[in-house]
């Protein structure tokens, strides 16, 4: 069965088409995907892997924006990848006289010169790669999008990660998919702006007036997030009077590849102004922002509810945290505790095993699995888990030994 990732309401199936070789500069290996030409200093396998990842990203983005790939005229987007930091820095500095950690998209008037240059390094650099990969995609179709639109959506998609999967199936192709976690890194700083925060008109017209508001990236992200996520937002009358999601989707159709950034910004402003009462929109936006919680907020909220023995509130908080960061162990561990308390031992075990898979402390999970198995009457299994907990951490030795004696 092929892996798939359900992201932003779209289902993206894994790509199985093998990348093919393309001519590469000296010292770099090449691979062609469906939409990308990749050069890498990491060898053929790395170039092919990156081509599959970028094709997956292209399909994800285009499942949202619905640009016409035929307008690219069959040309592939160019990507140059380095694992050697000095070589990466030298290549970038030669072209823009500065360096940029992680990734930079170089945009020229001649499409054949445009390329995304990346350094395969730390997690932070991977986020920059994700950010710049979206910018490359967008500017392939719209050379000069409004700055708020470009940065807002780039941040919105910046936590997309590629899961290389496993090799399997009759054709031996790698099964792969994308994992999306919403980027809320700007949430607290945007909230802290309070009444000095978003001014819709100043943000939408920032390119026209050549003046960007404070915290430009943060408020650009928050406007995009508000308009996209408004489809899930309810007010006291159980619905919003303005369909912000429809409006932002209509904006995609108004962007022109031949227009300047100022003209594109004016087009989107005129369209939004025709449908939106700005004071009402800013009130809706403020209420939306106040309701948003970070992952840490949700975990803390769940812990408080759990300690107060409010199982329903705790479960809601931990499920929301899991939805926000599906590959973090904490929500699974606490949901396991709640299932155990509710005597749903099979479900508790599933949550605990998921927590271990996503990086929870092995000794903690082994001990929890032991307690859970004992409560379910599976004594031999419980003893085995408790022995694992002792082996993984001496701090569990005395507790585990006491329980093992009882179980025997």
Protein backbone atom coordinates (compact mmCIF):
# COMPACT_ATOMS: atom_id res chain seq x y z
CA UNK A 1 0.00 0.00 0.00
CA UNK A 2 1.36 3.41 -0.93
CA UNK A 3 1.95 5.93 1.82
CA UNK A 4 0.04 9.14 1.58
CA UNK A 5 -0.20 12.37 3.52
CA UNK A 6 -3.45 14.27 3.99
CA UNK A 7 -2.51 17.92 4.07
CA UNK A 8 -4.74 21.01 4.00
CA UNK A 9 -7.67 18.94 2.81
CA UNK A 10 -5.81 17.41 -0.13
CA UNK A 11 -4.59 13.83 -0.40
CA UNK A 12 -1.13 13.47 -1.90
CA UNK A 13 -0.12 10.02 -3.09
CA UNK A 14 3.50 9.00 -3.27
CA UNK A 15 5.44 9.36 -6.44
CA UNK A 16 6.88 6.16 -7.80
CA UNK A 17 8.37 7.34 -11.11
CA UNK A 18 12.13 6.96 -11.10
CA UNK A 19 14.21 10.06 -11.74
CA UNK A 20 16.43 10.07 -14.81
CA UNK A 21 19.88 11.47 -15.29
CA UNK A 22 20.54 14.93 -16.66
CA UNK A 23 23.81 16.59 -17.63
CA UNK A 24 25.40 18.20 -14.56
CA UNK A 25 28.24 20.65 -13.86
CA UNK A 26 31.57 19.12 -12.97
CA UNK A 27 31.57 17.49 -9.54
CA UNK A 28 27.78 17.30 -9.30
CA UNK A 29 25.40 14.44 -9.99
CA UNK A 30 22.14 15.07 -11.85
CA UNK A 31 18.59 13.78 -11.82
CA UNK A 32 15.40 14.88 -13.54
CA UNK A 33 12.03 14.64 -11.84
CA UNK A 34 8.78 15.51 -13.52
CA UNK A 35 9.09 19.21 -12.67
CA UNK A 36 12.68 19.63 -11.45
CA UNK A 37 16.24 19.31 -12.68
CA UNK A 38 18.46 18.62 -9.67
CA UNK A 39 22.25 18.84 -9.32
CA UNK A 40 23.83 17.53 -6.12
CA UNK A 41 27.30 16.97 -4.70
CA UNK A 42 25.86 14.06 -2.71
CA UNK A 43 25.86 11.56 -5.58
CA UNK A 44 23.22 10.12 -7.89
CA UNK A 45 21.07 8.69 -5.11
CA UNK A 46 20.87 12.05 -3.34
CA UNK A 47 19.96 13.86 -6.56
CA UNK A 48 17.22 11.32 -7.30
CA UNK A 49 15.90 11.51 -3.74
CA UNK A 50 15.74 15.30 -3.90
CA UNK A 51 14.00 15.21 -7.29
CA UNK A 52 11.28 12.95 -5.84
CA UNK A 53 10.87 15.22 -2.83
CA UNK A 54 10.56 18.36 -4.93
CA UNK A 55 8.06 16.74 -7.29
CA UNK A 56 6.00 15.83 -4.23
CA UNK A 57 6.16 19.40 -2.99
CA UNK A 58 5.16 20.75 -6.41
CA UNK A 59 2.06 18.54 -6.42
CA UNK A 60 1.18 19.60 -2.89
CA UNK A 61 1.47 23.29 -3.71
CA UNK A 62 -0.39 22.93 -6.97
CA UNK A 63 -3.17 20.97 -5.31
CA UNK A 64 -3.81 24.22 -3.46
CA UNK A 65 -3.11 26.90 -6.08
CA UNK A 66 -4.07 25.07 -9.30
CA UNK A 67 -1.62 26.89 -11.56
CA UNK A 68 -1.30 25.39 -15.04
CA UNK A 69 2.03 23.48 -15.37
CA UNK A 70 1.76 23.75 -19.17
CA UNK A 71 2.62 27.43 -18.87
CA UNK A 72 6.14 26.34 -17.91
CA UNK A 73 6.58 25.11 -21.47
CA UNK A 74 8.06 21.80 -20.38
CA UNK A 75 11.00 23.51 -18.67
CA UNK A 76 12.04 22.03 -15.33
CA UNK A 77 12.79 24.15 -12.27
CA UNK A 78 16.51 24.06 -11.44
CA UNK A 79 17.87 23.08 -8.04
CA UNK A 80 21.52 22.94 -6.96
CA UNK A 81 22.24 21.11 -3.67
CA UNK A 82 25.43 21.08 -1.62
CA UNK A 83 26.39 19.14 1.48
CA UNK A 84 29.68 21.02 1.69
CA UNK A 85 28.99 24.35 3.40
CA UNK A 86 32.06 26.17 2.08
CA UNK A 87 31.20 25.31 -1.51
CA UNK A 88 27.60 26.41 -0.96
CA UNK A 89 28.65 29.73 0.59
CA UNK A 90 31.17 30.42 -2.19
CA UNK A 91 28.61 29.72 -4.90
CA UNK A 92 26.00 32.03 -3.31
CA UNK A 93 28.46 34.82 -2.52
CA UNK A 94 29.70 34.87 -6.10
CA UNK A 95 26.14 35.63 -7.28
CA UNK A 96 24.60 37.88 -4.63
CA UNK A 97 27.69 38.99 -2.68
CA UNK A 98 26.35 37.59 0.58
CA UNK A 99 25.51 34.24 2.12
CA UNK A 100 22.15 32.81 3.13
CA UNK A 101 21.90 29.89 5.58
CA UNK A 102 20.04 26.84 4.36
CA UNK A 103 18.71 27.91 0.98
CA UNK A 104 18.21 30.81 -1.37
CA UNK A 105 16.16 31.12 -4.53
CA UNK A 106 17.91 33.14 -7.23
CA UNK A 107 15.38 34.79 -9.54
CA UNK A 108 16.44 36.34 -12.84
CA UNK A 109 14.52 37.83 -15.74
CA UNK A 110 15.74 34.94 -17.89
CA UNK A 111 13.93 31.76 -16.70
CA UNK A 112 16.83 29.51 -17.69
CA UNK A 113 19.09 31.23 -15.12
CA UNK A 114 16.71 30.84 -12.18
CA UNK A 115 17.64 28.26 -9.57
CA UNK A 116 17.12 27.19 -5.98
CA UNK A 117 20.44 26.65 -4.17
CA UNK A 118 20.35 24.67 -0.94
CA UNK A 119 22.70 23.41 1.75
CA UNK A 120 21.76 20.01 3.20
CA UNK A 121 22.42 20.73 6.87
CA UNK A 122 20.57 21.32 10.14
CA UNK A 123 16.86 21.23 10.93
CA UNK A 124 16.75 25.04 10.78
CA UNK A 125 18.29 24.91 7.32
CA UNK A 126 15.68 22.35 6.27
CA UNK A 127 12.99 24.87 7.22
CA UNK A 128 14.69 27.49 5.08
CA UNK A 129 14.83 25.00 2.21
CA UNK A 130 11.09 24.38 2.61
CA UNK A 131 10.46 28.14 2.64
CA UNK A 132 12.56 28.84 -0.43
CA UNK A 133 11.23 25.80 -2.32
CA UNK A 134 7.77 27.32 -2.11
CA UNK A 135 9.07 30.70 -3.28
CA UNK A 136 10.64 29.00 -6.31
CA UNK A 137 7.37 27.23 -7.11
CA UNK A 138 5.29 30.41 -6.80
CA UNK A 139 7.66 32.57 -8.84
CA UNK A 140 7.76 29.99 -11.62
CA UNK A 141 4.14 30.99 -12.31
CA UNK A 142 4.08 34.57 -10.98
CA UNK A 143 7.44 36.29 -11.32
CA UNK A 144 6.52 39.18 -9.04
CA UNK A 145 3.79 38.24 -6.52
CA UNK A 146 2.92 40.71 -3.74
CA UNK A 147 5.46 40.47 -0.92
CA UNK A 148 2.84 39.71 1.74
CA UNK A 149 1.43 36.91 -0.40
CA UNK A 150 4.85 35.39 -1.13
CA UNK A 151 6.12 35.50 2.46
CA UNK A 152 2.81 34.62 4.08
CA UNK A 153 2.34 31.44 2.08
CA UNK A 154 6.04 30.53 2.23
CA UNK A 155 5.84 30.56 6.02
CA UNK A 156 2.50 28.74 5.94
CA UNK A 157 4.15 25.87 4.02
CA UNK A 158 7.58 26.07 5.66
CA UNK A 159 7.08 23.09 8.00
CA UNK A 160 6.39 20.63 5.19
CA UNK A 161 8.83 17.71 5.52
CA UNK A 162 9.49 14.79 3.21
CA UNK A 163 9.27 11.23 4.57
CA UNK A 164 11.40 9.06 2.33
CA UNK A 165 9.47 5.93 3.34
CA UNK A 166 10.71 2.48 2.54
CA UNK A 167 11.62 0.51 -0.53
CA UNK A 168 8.97 -2.04 -1.31
CA UNK A 169 6.34 -3.23 -3.73
CA UNK A 170 6.73 -5.24 -6.87
CA UNK A 171 8.66 -2.58 -8.76
CA UNK A 172 11.01 -1.85 -5.86
CA UNK A 173 10.16 1.84 -5.97
CA UNK A 174 10.52 3.95 -2.85
CA UNK A 175 7.19 4.88 -1.29
CA UNK A 176 7.31 8.44 -0.05
CA UNK A 177 5.10 11.25 1.16
CA UNK A 178 4.96 14.66 2.77
CA UNK A 179 4.32 15.45 6.41
CA UNK A 180 2.76 18.81 7.25
CA UNK A 181 2.99 20.55 10.61
CA UNK A 182 1.60 24.05 10.81
CA UNK A 183 4.26 26.68 11.46
CA UNK A 184 3.13 28.75 14.45
CA UNK A 185 6.54 30.26 15.17
CA UNK A 186 5.17 33.77 14.62
CA UNK A 187 2.00 33.32 16.65
CA UNK A 188 3.17 34.69 19.99
CA UNK A 189 5.00 37.68 18.52
CA UNK A 190 2.00 38.61 16.35
CA UNK A 191 -0.35 38.24 19.31
CA UNK A 192 1.93 40.48 21.35
CA UNK A 193 1.41 43.32 18.85
CA UNK A 194 -2.14 43.72 20.19
CA UNK A 195 -3.86 46.80 18.79
CA UNK A 196 -0.63 47.68 16.97
CA UNK A 197 -0.96 44.53 14.89
CA UNK A 198 -2.50 43.93 11.51
CA UNK A 199 -3.71 46.83 9.40
CA UNK A 200 -5.14 45.12 6.34
CA UNK A 201 -4.79 48.09 4.03
CA UNK A 202 -1.20 48.88 5.01
CA UNK A 203 -0.15 45.25 4.53
CA UNK A 204 -1.97 44.73 1.23
CA UNK A 205 -0.58 47.98 -0.17
CA UNK A 206 2.95 47.65 1.24
CA UNK A 207 4.48 47.07 -2.21
CA UNK A 208 2.50 49.90 -3.77
CA UNK A 209 3.44 52.38 -1.04
CA UNK A 210 7.00 50.99 -0.65
CA UNK A 211 6.51 50.68 3.09
CA UNK A 212 6.38 47.44 5.02
CA UNK A 213 4.72 47.35 8.47
CA UNK A 214 6.64 46.18 11.53
CA UNK A 215 6.95 42.40 11.87
CA UNK A 216 6.15 42.14 8.16
CA UNK A 217 6.79 38.39 7.90
CA UNK A 218 4.71 37.63 10.98
CA UNK A 219 1.67 39.65 9.96
CA UNK A 220 1.93 38.32 6.38
CA UNK A 221 1.78 34.78 7.74
CA UNK A 222 -1.06 35.62 10.13
CA UNK A 223 -3.18 37.16 7.35
CA UNK A 224 -2.67 34.12 5.12
CA UNK A 225 -3.36 31.76 8.02
CA UNK A 226 -6.52 33.68 8.93
CA UNK A 227 -7.92 33.67 5.40
CA UNK A 228 -7.11 30.00 4.74
CA UNK A 229 -8.19 28.68 8.13
CA UNK A 230 -11.31 30.87 8.29
CA UNK A 231 -13.17 28.01 6.60
CA UNK A 232 -13.01 26.29 10.01
CA UNK A 233 -13.84 29.41 12.02
CA UNK A 234 -17.20 30.02 13.69
CA UNK A 235 -18.63 33.14 15.27
CA UNK A 236 -21.50 33.56 17.69
CA UNK A 237 -23.96 33.02 14.84
CA UNK A 238 -22.14 29.81 13.87
CA UNK A 239 -20.82 31.19 10.59
CA UNK A 240 -18.69 34.05 9.29
CA UNK A 241 -20.48 36.64 7.20
CA UNK A 242 -17.47 36.89 4.87
CA UNK A 243 -15.99 33.92 3.04
CA UNK A 244 -12.33 34.83 3.40
CA UNK A 245 -11.17 31.46 2.09
CA UNK A 246 -13.06 31.95 -1.18
CA UNK A 247 -11.64 35.45 -1.51
CA UNK A 248 -8.02 34.33 -1.08
CA UNK A 249 -8.56 31.50 -3.58
CA UNK A 250 -9.95 33.99 -6.11
CA UNK A 251 -6.79 36.03 -5.65
CA UNK A 252 -4.79 33.16 -7.15
CA UNK A 253 -6.57 33.74 -10.47
CA UNK A 254 -5.80 37.46 -10.49
CA UNK A 255 -2.03 37.19 -10.24
CA UNK A 256 -0.26 37.86 -13.53
CA UNK A 257 3.13 36.51 -14.53
CA UNK A 258 3.74 39.59 -16.67
CA UNK A 259 2.76 42.18 -14.06
CA UNK A 260 5.05 44.05 -11.67
CA UNK A 261 4.90 43.42 -7.93
CA UNK A 262 3.11 46.77 -7.52
CA UNK A 263 0.48 45.90 -10.12
CA UNK A 264 -0.13 42.46 -8.65
CA UNK A 265 -0.43 43.95 -5.17
CA UNK A 266 -2.93 46.54 -6.40
CA UNK A 267 -4.99 43.85 -8.15
CA UNK A 268 -5.31 41.78 -4.99
CA UNK A 269 -6.05 44.83 -2.88
CA UNK A 270 -8.82 45.99 -5.24
CA UNK A 271 -10.37 42.52 -5.28
CA UNK A 272 -10.27 42.08 -1.50
CA UNK A 273 -11.58 45.61 -0.92
CA UNK A 274 -14.54 44.81 -3.17
CA UNK A 275 -15.64 41.97 -0.90
CA UNK A 276 -14.33 42.84 2.56
CA UNK A 277 -15.33 45.45 5.10
CA UNK A 278 -11.87 46.07 6.56
CA UNK A 279 -12.95 46.97 10.14
CA UNK A 280 -15.11 43.83 10.29
CA UNK A 281 -12.31 41.72 8.82
CA UNK A 282 -9.83 43.01 11.37
CA UNK A 283 -12.23 42.13 14.20
CA UNK A 284 -12.65 38.63 12.75
CA UNK A 285 -8.87 38.36 12.39
CA UNK A 286 -8.29 39.47 15.99
CA UNK A 287 -10.76 36.90 17.27
CA UNK A 288 -9.16 34.21 15.11
CA UNK A 289 -5.71 35.04 16.42
CA UNK A 290 -6.86 35.01 20.04
CA UNK A 291 -8.29 31.52 19.58
CA UNK A 292 -5.07 30.09 18.09
CA UNK A 293 -2.83 28.19 20.51
CA UNK A 294 0.71 26.95 20.15
CA UNK A 295 1.67 23.33 20.63
CA UNK A 296 3.13 24.20 24.06
CA UNK A 297 -0.11 26.01 25.00
CA UNK A 298 -2.16 22.91 24.17
CA UNK A 299 0.14 20.52 26.05
CA UNK A 300 0.10 22.76 29.14
CA UNK A 301 -3.69 23.12 28.90
CA UNK A 302 -4.05 19.35 28.65
CA UNK A 303 -1.74 18.75 31.61
CA UNK A 304 -3.72 21.16 33.77
CA UNK A 305 -7.00 19.50 32.83
CA UNK A 306 -5.49 16.06 33.45
CA UNK A 307 -4.29 17.09 36.92
CA UNK A 308 -7.76 18.52 37.61
CA UNK A 309 -9.25 15.17 36.54
CA UNK A 310 -11.15 16.80 33.68
CA UNK A 311 -10.62 13.97 31.19
CA UNK A 312 -12.77 15.48 28.44
CA UNK A 313 -10.94 18.82 28.41
CA UNK A 314 -7.58 17.06 28.62
CA UNK A 315 -8.42 14.81 25.68
CA UNK A 316 -9.55 17.76 23.55
CA UNK A 317 -6.31 19.61 24.24
CA UNK A 318 -4.06 16.63 23.53
CA UNK A 319 -5.96 15.72 20.36
CA UNK A 320 -5.56 19.31 19.14
CA UNK A 321 -1.85 19.13 19.94
CA UNK A 322 -1.58 15.85 18.02
CA UNK A 323 -3.32 17.40 15.02
CA UNK A 324 -0.93 20.35 15.11
CA UNK A 325 2.21 18.22 15.47
CA UNK A 326 1.40 14.65 14.47
CA UNK A 327 5.02 13.51 14.84
CA UNK A 328 5.64 14.66 18.41
CA UNK A 329 5.51 12.07 21.15
CA UNK A 330 3.92 14.16 23.92
CA UNK A 331 0.25 14.10 22.80
CA UNK A 332 0.39 10.32 22.27
CA UNK A 333 1.85 9.71 25.72
CA UNK A 334 -0.79 11.75 27.50
CA UNK A 335 -3.59 10.26 25.41
CA UNK A 336 -2.20 6.90 26.50
CA UNK A 337 -2.51 7.94 30.13
CA UNK A 338 -6.11 9.04 29.57
CA UNK A 339 -6.95 5.75 27.84
CA UNK A 340 -5.37 3.82 30.69
CA UNK A 341 -7.40 5.78 33.23
CA UNK A 342 -10.50 4.94 31.22
CA UNK A 343 -9.56 1.23 31.24
CA UNK A 344 -9.16 1.25 27.46
CA UNK A 345 -5.95 -0.74 27.64
CA UNK A 346 -5.69 -1.66 23.97
CA UNK A 347 -6.00 1.97 22.92
CA UNK A 348 -3.54 3.03 25.63
CA UNK A 349 -0.97 0.59 24.26
CA UNK A 350 -1.38 2.00 20.75
CA UNK A 351 -0.80 5.52 22.00
CA UNK A 352 2.24 4.50 24.06
CA UNK A 353 3.80 2.69 21.12
CA UNK A 354 3.21 5.75 18.92
CA UNK A 355 4.87 7.94 21.57
CA UNK A 356 7.91 5.64 21.52
CA UNK A 357 7.99 5.75 17.72
CA UNK A 358 8.11 9.56 17.79
CA UNK A 359 10.94 9.83 20.29
CA UNK A 360 9.60 9.44 23.84
CA UNK A 361 12.04 8.18 26.47
CA UNK A 362 12.24 4.37 26.02
CA UNK A 363 12.30 3.66 29.77
CA UNK A 364 9.22 5.80 30.39
CA UNK A 365 7.25 4.07 27.65
CA UNK A 366 8.39 0.59 28.68
CA UNK A 367 7.26 1.31 32.24
CA UNK A 368 3.90 2.69 31.02
CA UNK A 369 3.39 -0.36 28.80
CA UNK A 370 4.19 -2.61 31.77
CA UNK A 371 1.64 -0.91 34.02
CA UNK A 372 -0.91 -1.03 31.21
CA UNK A 373 -0.34 -4.73 30.50
CA UNK A 374 -0.61 -5.55 34.20
CA UNK A 375 -3.94 -3.71 34.45
CA UNK A 376 -5.16 -5.70 31.44
CA UNK A 377 -4.22 -8.96 33.17
CA UNK A 378 -1.28 -9.78 30.88
CA UNK A 379 1.24 -10.44 33.65
CA UNK A 380 3.99 -12.10 31.63
CA UNK A 381 3.94 -9.28 29.11
CA UNK A 382 3.90 -6.71 31.92
CA UNK A 383 6.99 -8.26 33.52
CA UNK A 384 8.84 -8.17 30.19
CA UNK A 385 8.06 -4.48 29.74
CA UNK A 386 9.11 -3.66 33.31
CA UNK A 387 12.41 -5.49 32.79
CA UNK A 388 12.93 -3.34 29.68
CA UNK A 389 12.30 -0.21 31.73
CA UNK A 390 14.94 -1.29 34.28
CA UNK A 391 17.47 -1.97 31.55
CA UNK A 392 16.81 1.36 29.86
CA UNK A 393 17.10 3.44 33.05
CA UNK A 394 18.22 2.56 36.56
CA UNK A 395 15.79 5.16 37.94
CA UNK A 396 12.94 2.72 37.28
CA UNK A 397 14.66 -0.20 39.04
CA UNK A 398 13.04 -0.05 42.48
CA UNK A 399 9.54 0.67 41.16
CA UNK A 400 9.78 -2.03 38.52
CA UNK A 401 11.12 -4.65 40.96
CA UNK A 402 8.26 -4.00 43.41
CA UNK A 403 5.67 -4.50 40.65
CA UNK A 404 7.41 -7.56 39.23
CA UNK A 405 7.30 -9.26 42.63
CA UNK A 406 3.58 -8.64 42.87
CA UNK A 407 2.96 -9.93 39.38
CA UNK A 408 4.87 -13.16 40.02
